[in-house]
Amino acid sequence: MTRWVQLAAVLVLAALYVPAMAEMVDVWQTDTYAGHGMFVPLFSALIAWTERERLGAAAGQASPIGIVIILAGVGLLALGTLGQNLLVKGLSVAVVVAGLVVWGFGTECLKAAAFPVGFLLLMAPLPRAVVAALTLKVQLFAAAFAAGAVRLLDVPVYQTGVTIELPSMTLQVAEACNGLRFLMALLVLTAAFAQITQRTFPRKIALVASAIPIAILANATRVAVVALGVHYVGPEAASGTIHNWIGKGVWGLTLIPLIVLGLLLARGGVSRVSRLEAKAA
């Protein structure tokens, strides 16, 4: 009987979340800062599937505490709906899923499923206030970094704010070039990569945290390469095909340090576990 009640609750909750998820999907498709969100539930489901044996082993007795957590999540959904805050609605999804896991399989199972459940938090878009607060700062950093890099190659350049003046052309680091879109996408990708490759929580956090400076530096490097392209190739490097290929090339190269760092952290984790097992033996 309990399983039927839980199934009915899942169906009711699914119906309750249809408007919020429809709004979320629309934002994923229309907001350039939220496009990464559509991959989050897919990654979360993939991780849960690949770790299904471990999660199954952790499953235990259902806990009524899950009902309290579910009600808290529904309360967040109500607050998000009243305040028209999609971030709060997204948070409520993760809370409700956590509550369902506890209600159906116990708290130990939720601990084992902490990543796929917590990962759902990343599907909510960044609040516009956060984007506005960060945009100018990363634009200024990208412009200053690019100007400094170009100057090291003896190319005459003058930088004022987000403007980079070259002999042949004046460039502006526009909002579209702030790198925040790539940063969010890279965080999602790195979090999934960390879960797969790292054995300890601190190493997972270290790898995910490293994606932030790497993404910011990558964007600044992209701006510098565009500036050099304008100087040596011509104004066409600032737009069109050349500009797009520069961006794709730099973003592709960005994955290399993350992969290398992930492998180094994983190797260090394996070595440490081996030493501990040797001592225990």
C-alpha atoms as a PDB file:
ATOM      1  CA  MET A   1       0.000   0.000   0.000  1.00  0.00           C
ATOM      2  CA  THR A   2       2.829   2.397   0.879  1.00  0.00           C
ATOM      3  CA  ARG A   3       4.382   2.067  -2.578  1.00  0.00           C
ATOM      4  CA  TRP A   4       1.058   2.903  -4.198  1.00  0.00           C
ATOM      5  CA  VAL A   5       0.757   6.000  -2.024  1.00  0.00           C
ATOM      6  CA  GLN A   6       4.285   7.017  -2.981  1.00  0.00           C
ATOM      7  CA  LEU A   7       3.536   6.464  -6.675  1.00  0.00           C
ATOM      8  CA  ALA A   8       0.410   8.599  -6.393  1.00  0.00           C
ATOM      9  CA  ALA A   9       2.449  11.315  -4.659  1.00  0.00           C
ATOM     10  CA  VAL A  10       5.024  11.249  -7.469  1.00  0.00           C
ATOM     11  CA  LEU A  11       2.258  11.676 -10.073  1.00  0.00           C
ATOM     12  CA  VAL A  12       0.696  14.560  -8.142  1.00  0.00           C
ATOM     13  CA  LEU A  13       4.073  16.268  -7.756  1.00  0.00           C
ATOM     14  CA  ALA A  14       4.852  15.764 -11.442  1.00  0.00           C
ATOM     15  CA  ALA A  15       1.587  17.479 -12.362  1.00  0.00           C
ATOM     16  CA  LEU A  16       2.275  20.234  -9.842  1.00  0.00           C
ATOM     17  CA  TYR A  17       5.663  20.957 -11.411  1.00  0.00           C
ATOM     18  CA  VAL A  18       4.513  20.986 -15.047  1.00  0.00           C
ATOM     19  CA  PRO A  19       4.159  24.822 -15.211  1.00  0.00           C
ATOM     20  CA  ALA A  20       7.523  25.419 -13.512  1.00  0.00           C
ATOM     21  CA  MET A  21       9.342  22.936 -15.737  1.00  0.00           C
ATOM     22  CA  ALA A  22       7.674  24.351 -18.857  1.00  0.00           C
ATOM     23  CA  GLU A  23       8.934  27.778 -17.828  1.00  0.00           C
ATOM     24  CA  MET A  24      12.380  26.317 -17.174  1.00  0.00           C
ATOM     25  CA  VAL A  25      12.525  24.696 -20.622  1.00  0.00           C
ATOM     26  CA  ASP A  26      11.484  27.967 -22.255  1.00  0.00           C
ATOM     27  CA  VAL A  27      14.272  29.821 -20.424  1.00  0.00           C
ATOM     28  CA  TRP A  28      16.816  27.171 -21.440  1.00  0.00           C
ATOM     29  CA  GLN A  29      15.872  27.767 -25.059  1.00  0.00           C
ATOM     30  CA  THR A  30      15.730  31.567 -24.983  1.00  0.00           C
ATOM     31  CA  ASP A  31      18.199  32.754 -22.325  1.00  0.00           C
ATOM     32  CA  THR A  32      21.813  32.465 -23.485  1.00  0.00           C
ATOM     33  CA  TYR A  33      22.960  32.345 -19.858  1.00  0.00           C
ATOM     34  CA  ALA A  34      20.748  29.326 -19.123  1.00  0.00           C
ATOM     35  CA  GLY A  35      21.338  27.035 -22.112  1.00  0.00           C
ATOM     36  CA  HIS A  36      23.484  24.711 -20.017  1.00  0.00           C
ATOM     37  CA  GLY A  37      20.477  23.905 -17.842  1.00  0.00           C
ATOM     38  CA  MET A  38      18.931  21.478 -20.328  1.00  0.00           C
ATOM     39  CA  PHE A  39      21.899  19.130 -19.900  1.00  0.00           C
ATOM     40  CA  VAL A  40      21.738  19.055 -16.093  1.00  0.00           C
ATOM     41  CA  PRO A  41      18.815  16.607 -15.649  1.00  0.00           C
ATOM     42  CA  LEU A  42      20.310  14.400 -18.357  1.00  0.00           C
ATOM     43  CA  PHE A  43      23.706  14.304 -16.621  1.00  0.00           C
ATOM     44  CA  SER A  44      22.017  13.707 -13.284  1.00  0.00           C
ATOM     45  CA  ALA A  45      19.996  10.796 -14.655  1.00  0.00           C
ATOM     46  CA  LEU A  46      23.074   9.371 -16.387  1.00  0.00           C
ATOM     47  CA  ILE A  47      25.124   9.481 -13.180  1.00  0.00           C
ATOM     48  CA  ALA A  48      22.294   7.873 -11.209  1.00  0.00           C
ATOM     49  CA  TRP A  49      22.022   5.118 -13.819  1.00  0.00           C
ATOM     50  CA  THR A  50      25.757   4.400 -13.917  1.00  0.00           C
ATOM     51  CA  GLU A  51      25.827   4.224 -10.111  1.00  0.00           C
ATOM     52  CA  ARG A  52      22.582   2.266  -9.782  1.00  0.00           C
ATOM     53  CA  GLU A  53      24.268  -0.708  -8.092  1.00  0.00           C
ATOM     54  CA  ARG A  54      25.848   1.475  -5.413  1.00  0.00           C
ATOM     55  CA  LEU A  55      22.576   3.363  -4.914  1.00  0.00           C
ATOM     56  CA  GLY A  56      20.663   0.084  -4.733  1.00  0.00           C
ATOM     57  CA  ALA A  57      23.047  -1.211  -2.080  1.00  0.00           C
ATOM     58  CA  ALA A  58      22.503   1.961  -0.037  1.00  0.00           C
ATOM     59  CA  ALA A  59      18.717   1.733  -0.240  1.00  0.00           C
ATOM     60  CA  GLY A  60      17.131   1.011   3.093  1.00  0.00           C
ATOM     61  CA  GLN A  61      13.943   1.507   5.025  1.00  0.00           C
ATOM     62  CA  ALA A  62      11.722   4.354   3.902  1.00  0.00           C
ATOM     63  CA  SER A  63      11.731   7.350   6.210  1.00  0.00           C
ATOM     64  CA  PRO A  64       8.759   9.656   6.921  1.00  0.00           C
ATOM     65  CA  ILE A  65      11.258  12.513   7.185  1.00  0.00           C
ATOM     66  CA  GLY A  66      11.116  12.542   3.412  1.00  0.00           C
ATOM     67  CA  ILE A  67       7.534  13.806   3.577  1.00  0.00           C
ATOM     68  CA  VAL A  68       8.689  16.839   5.557  1.00  0.00           C
ATOM     69  CA  ILE A  69      11.423  17.515   2.983  1.00  0.00           C
ATOM     70  CA  ILE A  70       8.902  17.191   0.142  1.00  0.00           C
ATOM     71  CA  LEU A  71       6.561  19.665   1.826  1.00  0.00           C
ATOM     72  CA  ALA A  72       9.485  22.067   2.260  1.00  0.00           C
ATOM     73  CA  GLY A  73      10.218  21.747  -1.459  1.00  0.00           C
ATOM     74  CA  VAL A  74       6.600  22.407  -2.367  1.00  0.00           C
ATOM     75  CA  GLY A  75       6.717  25.449  -0.094  1.00  0.00           C
ATOM     76  CA  LEU A  76       9.716  26.720  -2.051  1.00  0.00           C
ATOM     77  CA  LEU A  77       7.776  26.154  -5.268  1.00  0.00           C
ATOM     78  CA  ALA A  78       4.938  28.273  -3.879  1.00  0.00           C
ATOM     79  CA  LEU A  79       7.377  31.028  -2.874  1.00  0.00           C
ATOM     80  CA  GLY A  80       9.035  30.922  -6.278  1.00  0.00           C
ATOM     81  CA  THR A  81       5.663  31.107  -8.005  1.00  0.00           C
ATOM     82  CA  LEU A  82       4.467  34.033  -5.893  1.00  0.00           C
ATOM     83  CA  GLY A  83       7.756  35.872  -6.351  1.00  0.00           C
ATOM     84  CA  GLN A  84       8.143  34.827 -10.004  1.00  0.00           C
ATOM     85  CA  ASN A  85      11.603  33.563  -9.124  1.00  0.00           C
ATOM     86  CA  LEU A  86      12.741  30.702 -11.342  1.00  0.00           C
ATOM     87  CA  LEU A  87      15.878  30.141  -9.251  1.00  0.00           C
ATOM     88  CA  VAL A  88      13.755  29.292  -6.195  1.00  0.00           C
ATOM     89  CA  LYS A  89      11.561  27.029  -8.318  1.00  0.00           C
ATOM     90  CA  GLY A  90      14.659  25.211  -9.543  1.00  0.00           C
ATOM     91  CA  LEU A  91      15.882  24.843  -5.963  1.00  0.00           C
ATOM     92  CA  SER A  92      12.529  23.346  -5.003  1.00  0.00           C
ATOM     93  CA  VAL A  93      12.933  20.620  -7.649  1.00  0.00           C
ATOM     94  CA  ALA A  94      16.147  19.370  -6.033  1.00  0.00           C
ATOM     95  CA  VAL A  95      14.584  19.537  -2.550  1.00  0.00           C
ATOM     96  CA  VAL A  96      11.515  17.565  -3.624  1.00  0.00           C
ATOM     97  CA  VAL A  97      13.641  14.918  -5.360  1.00  0.00           C
ATOM     98  CA  ALA A  98      15.732  14.631  -2.184  1.00  0.00           C
ATOM     99  CA  GLY A  99      12.548  14.194  -0.167  1.00  0.00           C
ATOM    100  CA  LEU A 100      11.278  11.488  -2.503  1.00  0.00           C
ATOM    101  CA  VAL A 101      14.546   9.578  -2.178  1.00  0.00           C
ATOM    102  CA  VAL A 102      14.407   9.724   1.629  1.00  0.00           C
ATOM    103  CA  TRP A 103      10.713   8.811   1.713  1.00  0.00           C
ATOM    104  CA  GLY A 104      11.209   5.894  -0.633  1.00  0.00           C
ATOM    105  CA  PHE A 105      14.663   4.578   0.223  1.00  0.00           C
ATOM    106  CA  GLY A 106      15.934   6.209   3.414  1.00  0.00           C
ATOM    107  CA  THR A 107      18.536   8.786   4.380  1.00  0.00           C
ATOM    108  CA  GLU A 108      21.523   6.563   3.587  1.00  0.00           C
ATOM    109  CA  CYS A 109      20.358   6.318   0.001  1.00  0.00           C
ATOM    110  CA  LEU A 110      20.145  10.115  -0.196  1.00  0.00           C
ATOM    111  CA  LYS A 111      23.725  10.338   1.030  1.00  0.00           C
ATOM    112  CA  ALA A 112      24.766   7.953  -1.725  1.00  0.00           C
ATOM    113  CA  ALA A 113      22.740   9.950  -4.261  1.00  0.00           C
ATOM    114  CA  ALA A 114      23.982  13.331  -3.042  1.00  0.00           C
ATOM    115  CA  PHE A 115      25.634  14.205  -6.348  1.00  0.00           C
ATOM    116  CA  PRO A 116      22.860  13.400  -8.843  1.00  0.00           C
ATOM    117  CA  VAL A 117      20.322  15.082  -6.566  1.00  0.00           C
ATOM    118  CA  GLY A 118      22.452  18.120  -5.709  1.00  0.00           C
ATOM    119  CA  PHE A 119      23.525  18.437  -9.337  1.00  0.00           C
ATOM    120  CA  LEU A 120      19.943  19.404 -10.179  1.00  0.00           C
ATOM    121  CA  LEU A 121      20.569  22.773  -8.517  1.00  0.00           C
ATOM    122  CA  LEU A 122      22.612  23.793 -11.552  1.00  0.00           C
ATOM    123  CA  MET A 123      19.658  23.619 -13.924  1.00  0.00           C
ATOM    124  CA  ALA A 124      18.218  26.895 -12.613  1.00  0.00           C
ATOM    125  CA  PRO A 125      19.379  29.993 -14.538  1.00  0.00           C
ATOM    126  CA  LEU A 126      21.614  32.601 -12.984  1.00  0.00           C
ATOM    127  CA  PRO A 127      19.572  35.532 -11.630  1.00  0.00           C
ATOM    128  CA  ARG A 128      19.857  38.592 -13.839  1.00  0.00           C
ATOM    129  CA  ALA A 129      21.109  40.590 -10.866  1.00  0.00           C
ATOM    130  CA  VAL A 130      24.076  38.199 -10.558  1.00  0.00           C
ATOM    131  CA  VAL A 131      24.766  38.368 -14.293  1.00  0.00           C
ATOM    132  CA  ALA A 132      24.661  42.174 -14.185  1.00  0.00           C
ATOM    133  CA  ALA A 133      26.987  42.292 -11.172  1.00  0.00           C
ATOM    134  CA  LEU A 134      29.571  39.993 -12.761  1.00  0.00           C
ATOM    135  CA  THR A 135      29.416  41.095 -16.384  1.00  0.00           C
ATOM    136  CA  LEU A 136      31.345  44.367 -16.167  1.00  0.00           C
ATOM    137  CA  LYS A 137      34.014  42.852 -13.922  1.00  0.00           C
ATOM    138  CA  VAL A 138      34.813  39.995 -16.285  1.00  0.00           C
ATOM    139  CA  GLN A 139      34.645  42.359 -19.270  1.00  0.00           C
ATOM    140  CA  LEU A 140      37.200  44.687 -17.670  1.00  0.00           C
ATOM    141  CA  PHE A 141      39.473  41.784 -16.759  1.00  0.00           C
ATOM    142  CA  ALA A 142      39.305  40.376 -20.291  1.00  0.00           C
ATOM    143  CA  ALA A 143      40.107  43.762 -21.825  1.00  0.00           C
ATOM    144  CA  ALA A 144      43.038  44.417 -19.454  1.00  0.00           C
ATOM    145  CA  PHE A 145      44.437  40.908 -19.885  1.00  0.00           C
ATOM    146  CA  ALA A 146      44.147  41.069 -23.678  1.00  0.00           C
ATOM    147  CA  ALA A 147      45.797  44.482 -23.851  1.00  0.00           C
ATOM    148  CA  GLY A 148      48.646  43.301 -21.623  1.00  0.00           C
ATOM    149  CA  ALA A 149      49.175  40.144 -23.685  1.00  0.00           C
ATOM    150  CA  VAL A 150      49.159  42.089 -26.954  1.00  0.00           C
ATOM    151  CA  ARG A 151      51.563  44.652 -25.518  1.00  0.00           C
ATOM    152  CA  LEU A 152      54.029  41.883 -24.640  1.00  0.00           C
ATOM    153  CA  LEU A 153      54.275  41.129 -28.375  1.00  0.00           C
ATOM    154  CA  ASP A 154      55.215  44.760 -29.097  1.00  0.00           C
ATOM    155  CA  VAL A 155      51.867  45.535 -30.691  1.00  0.00           C
ATOM    156  CA  PRO A 156      50.798  49.132 -30.031  1.00  0.00           C
ATOM    157  CA  VAL A 157      47.617  49.046 -27.980  1.00  0.00           C
ATOM    158  CA  TYR A 158      45.692  51.365 -25.679  1.00  0.00           C
ATOM    159  CA  GLN A 159      43.019  50.096 -23.312  1.00  0.00           C
ATOM    160  CA  THR A 160      40.330  52.146 -21.605  1.00  0.00           C
ATOM    161  CA  GLY A 161      37.685  50.232 -19.710  1.00  0.00           C
ATOM    162  CA  VAL A 162      36.294  47.598 -22.071  1.00  0.00           C
ATOM    163  CA  THR A 163      37.745  49.327 -25.139  1.00  0.00           C
ATOM    164  CA  ILE A 164      40.940  48.093 -26.811  1.00  0.00           C
ATOM    165  CA  GLU A 165      42.432  50.481 -29.371  1.00  0.00           C
ATOM    166  CA  LEU A 166      44.690  48.939 -32.007  1.00  0.00           C
ATOM    167  CA  PRO A 167      46.373  50.744 -34.928  1.00  0.00           C
ATOM    168  CA  SER A 168      43.908  49.253 -37.407  1.00  0.00           C
ATOM    169  CA  MET A 169      40.738  48.974 -35.346  1.00  0.00           C
ATOM    170  CA  THR A 170      39.089  49.677 -32.013  1.00  0.00           C
ATOM    171  CA  LEU A 171      37.584  46.657 -30.228  1.00  0.00           C
ATOM    172  CA  GLN A 172      35.079  46.511 -27.421  1.00  0.00           C
ATOM    173  CA  VAL A 173      34.617  43.580 -25.078  1.00  0.00           C
ATOM    174  CA  ALA A 174      30.836  43.431 -25.301  1.00  0.00           C
ATOM    175  CA  GLU A 175      28.493  41.764 -22.813  1.00  0.00           C
ATOM    176  CA  ALA A 176      28.168  38.849 -25.230  1.00  0.00           C
ATOM    177  CA  CYS A 177      31.933  38.312 -24.811  1.00  0.00           C
ATOM    178  CA  ASN A 178      31.943  38.225 -21.012  1.00  0.00           C
ATOM    179  CA  GLY A 179      32.469  34.459 -20.887  1.00  0.00           C
ATOM    180  CA  LEU A 180      29.753  33.780 -18.295  1.00  0.00           C
ATOM    181  CA  ARG A 181      27.853  31.510 -20.663  1.00  0.00           C
ATOM    182  CA  PHE A 182      30.919  29.361 -21.166  1.00  0.00           C
ATOM    183  CA  LEU A 183      31.698  29.473 -17.440  1.00  0.00           C
ATOM    184  CA  MET A 184      28.297  28.036 -16.514  1.00  0.00           C
ATOM    185  CA  ALA A 185      28.495  25.349 -19.192  1.00  0.00           C
ATOM    186  CA  LEU A 186      32.028  24.455 -18.098  1.00  0.00           C
ATOM    187  CA  LEU A 187      30.969  24.200 -14.450  1.00  0.00           C
ATOM    188  CA  VAL A 188      28.243  21.717 -15.391  1.00  0.00           C
ATOM    189  CA  LEU A 189      30.629  19.668 -17.525  1.00  0.00           C
ATOM    190  CA  THR A 190      33.401  19.766 -14.903  1.00  0.00           C
ATOM    191  CA  ALA A 191      31.048  18.734 -12.105  1.00  0.00           C
ATOM    192  CA  ALA A 192      29.999  15.664 -14.085  1.00  0.00           C
ATOM    193  CA  PHE A 193      33.628  14.909 -14.944  1.00  0.00           C
ATOM    194  CA  ALA A 194      34.650  15.294 -11.286  1.00  0.00           C
ATOM    195  CA  GLN A 195      31.958  12.897 -10.133  1.00  0.00           C
ATOM    196  CA  ILE A 196      33.139  10.265 -12.588  1.00  0.00           C
ATOM    197  CA  THR A 197      36.899  10.619 -12.026  1.00  0.00           C
ATOM    198  CA  GLN A 198      37.402  11.683  -8.385  1.00  0.00           C
ATOM    199  CA  ARG A 199      37.060   9.427  -5.365  1.00  0.00           C
ATOM    200  CA  THR A 200      36.919  12.018  -2.586  1.00  0.00           C
ATOM    201  CA  PHE A 201      34.664  15.027  -2.061  1.00  0.00           C
ATOM    202  CA  PRO A 202      37.506  17.553  -1.528  1.00  0.00           C
ATOM    203  CA  ARG A 203      39.069  16.546  -4.846  1.00  0.00           C
ATOM    204  CA  LYS A 204      35.736  16.903  -6.601  1.00  0.00           C
ATOM    205  CA  ILE A 205      35.311  20.400  -5.156  1.00  0.00           C
ATOM    206  CA  ALA A 206      38.886  21.324  -6.104  1.00  0.00           C
ATOM    207  CA  LEU A 207      38.355  20.258  -9.708  1.00  0.00           C
ATOM    208  CA  VAL A 208      35.018  22.074 -10.043  1.00  0.00           C
ATOM    209  CA  ALA A 209      36.430  25.217  -8.415  1.00  0.00           C
ATOM    210  CA  SER A 210      39.347  25.211 -10.853  1.00  0.00           C
ATOM    211  CA  ALA A 211      36.891  25.584 -13.734  1.00  0.00           C
ATOM    212  CA  ILE A 212      36.090  29.154 -12.630  1.00  0.00           C
ATOM    213  CA  PRO A 213      39.556  30.752 -13.066  1.00  0.00           C
ATOM    214  CA  ILE A 214      40.266  28.554 -16.090  1.00  0.00           C
ATOM    215  CA  ALA A 215      37.082  29.739 -17.840  1.00  0.00           C
ATOM    216  CA  ILE A 216      37.776  33.398 -17.010  1.00  0.00           C
ATOM    217  CA  LEU A 217      41.364  33.143 -18.264  1.00  0.00           C
ATOM    218  CA  ALA A 218      40.199  31.295 -21.373  1.00  0.00           C
ATOM    219  CA  ASN A 219      37.780  34.077 -22.232  1.00  0.00           C
ATOM    220  CA  ALA A 220      40.468  36.723 -21.705  1.00  0.00           C
ATOM    221  CA  THR A 221      42.838  34.692 -23.886  1.00  0.00           C
ATOM    222  CA  ARG A 222      40.181  34.513 -26.583  1.00  0.00           C
ATOM    223  CA  VAL A 223      39.879  38.298 -26.568  1.00  0.00           C
ATOM    224  CA  ALA A 224      43.681  38.607 -26.807  1.00  0.00           C
ATOM    225  CA  VAL A 225      43.802  36.200 -29.770  1.00  0.00           C
ATOM    226  CA  VAL A 226      41.045  38.154 -31.509  1.00  0.00           C
ATOM    227  CA  ALA A 227      43.005  41.378 -30.963  1.00  0.00           C
ATOM    228  CA  LEU A 228      46.126  39.790 -32.417  1.00  0.00           C
ATOM    229  CA  GLY A 229      44.086  38.480 -35.323  1.00  0.00           C
ATOM    230  CA  VAL A 230      42.808  41.976 -36.036  1.00  0.00           C
ATOM    231  CA  HIS A 231      46.356  43.347 -35.967  1.00  0.00           C
ATOM    232  CA  TYR A 232      47.991  40.687 -38.135  1.00  0.00           C
ATOM    233  CA  VAL A 233      45.103  39.504 -40.327  1.00  0.00           C
ATOM    234  CA  GLY A 234      42.658  42.374 -40.436  1.00  0.00           C
ATOM    235  CA  PRO A 235      39.295  43.588 -39.111  1.00  0.00           C
ATOM    236  CA  GLU A 236      37.585  40.416 -40.372  1.00  0.00           C
ATOM    237  CA  ALA A 237      39.137  38.562 -37.402  1.00  0.00           C
ATOM    238  CA  ALA A 238      36.784  40.497 -35.111  1.00  0.00           C
ATOM    239  CA  SER A 239      33.662  38.904 -36.587  1.00  0.00           C
ATOM    240  CA  GLY A 240      32.474  36.162 -38.869  1.00  0.00           C
ATOM    241  CA  THR A 241      34.175  32.853 -39.536  1.00  0.00           C
ATOM    242  CA  ILE A 242      37.637  33.689 -38.193  1.00  0.00           C
ATOM    243  CA  HIS A 243      36.170  35.070 -34.976  1.00  0.00           C
ATOM    244  CA  ASN A 244      34.024  31.969 -34.501  1.00  0.00           C
ATOM    245  CA  TRP A 245      36.926  29.601 -35.118  1.00  0.00           C
ATOM    246  CA  ILE A 246      39.090  31.496 -32.631  1.00  0.00           C
ATOM    247  CA  GLY A 247      36.384  31.092 -30.016  1.00  0.00           C
ATOM    248  CA  LYS A 248      35.897  27.386 -30.696  1.00  0.00           C
ATOM    249  CA  GLY A 249      39.633  26.761 -30.700  1.00  0.00           C
ATOM    250  CA  VAL A 250      40.231  28.515 -27.385  1.00  0.00           C
ATOM    251  CA  TRP A 251      37.242  26.834 -25.723  1.00  0.00           C
ATOM    252  CA  GLY A 252      38.430  23.450 -26.981  1.00  0.00           C
ATOM    253  CA  LEU A 253      41.916  24.041 -25.593  1.00  0.00           C
ATOM    254  CA  THR A 254      40.349  25.032 -22.267  1.00  0.00           C
ATOM    255  CA  LEU A 255      39.318  21.424 -21.707  1.00  0.00           C
ATOM    256  CA  ILE A 256      42.950  20.261 -21.762  1.00  0.00           C
ATOM    257  CA  PRO A 257      44.050  21.748 -18.386  1.00  0.00           C
ATOM    258  CA  LEU A 258      40.820  20.552 -16.781  1.00  0.00           C
ATOM    259  CA  ILE A 259      41.282  17.015 -18.055  1.00  0.00           C
ATOM    260  CA  VAL A 260      44.956  16.989 -17.029  1.00  0.00           C
ATOM    261  CA  LEU A 261      44.135  18.352 -13.576  1.00  0.00           C
ATOM    262  CA  GLY A 262      41.331  15.818 -13.201  1.00  0.00           C
ATOM    263  CA  LEU A 263      43.629  12.944 -14.107  1.00  0.00           C
ATOM    264  CA  LEU A 264      46.346  14.183 -11.733  1.00  0.00           C
ATOM    265  CA  LEU A 265      43.855  14.521  -8.872  1.00  0.00           C
ATOM    266  CA  ALA A 266      42.437  11.082  -9.635  1.00  0.00           C
ATOM    267  CA  ARG A 267      45.908   9.532  -9.705  1.00  0.00           C
ATOM    268  CA  GLY A 268      46.761  11.192  -6.394  1.00  0.00           C
ATOM    269  CA  GLY A 269      43.511   9.915  -4.894  1.00  0.00           C
ATOM    270  CA  VAL A 270      44.185   6.367  -6.046  1.00  0.00           C
ATOM    271  CA  SER A 271      47.740   6.497  -4.682  1.00  0.00           C
ATOM    272  CA  ARG A 272      46.513   7.711  -1.311  1.00  0.00           C
ATOM    273  CA  VAL A 273      43.864   4.993  -1.106  1.00  0.00           C
ATOM    274  CA  SER A 274      46.515   2.388  -1.997  1.00  0.00           C
ATOM    275  CA  ARG A 275      48.801   3.610   0.794  1.00  0.00           C
ATOM    276  CA  LEU A 276      45.960   3.516   3.314  1.00  0.00           C
ATOM    277  CA  GLU A 277      45.037  -0.023   2.244  1.00  0.00           C
ATOM    278  CA  ALA A 278      48.678  -1.073   2.548  1.00  0.00           C
ATOM    279  CA  LYS A 279      48.872   0.331   6.090  1.00  0.00           C
ATOM    280  CA  ALA A 280      45.633  -1.395   7.030  1.00  0.00           C
ATOM    281  CA  ALA A 281      46.995  -4.697   5.747  1.00  0.00           C
END
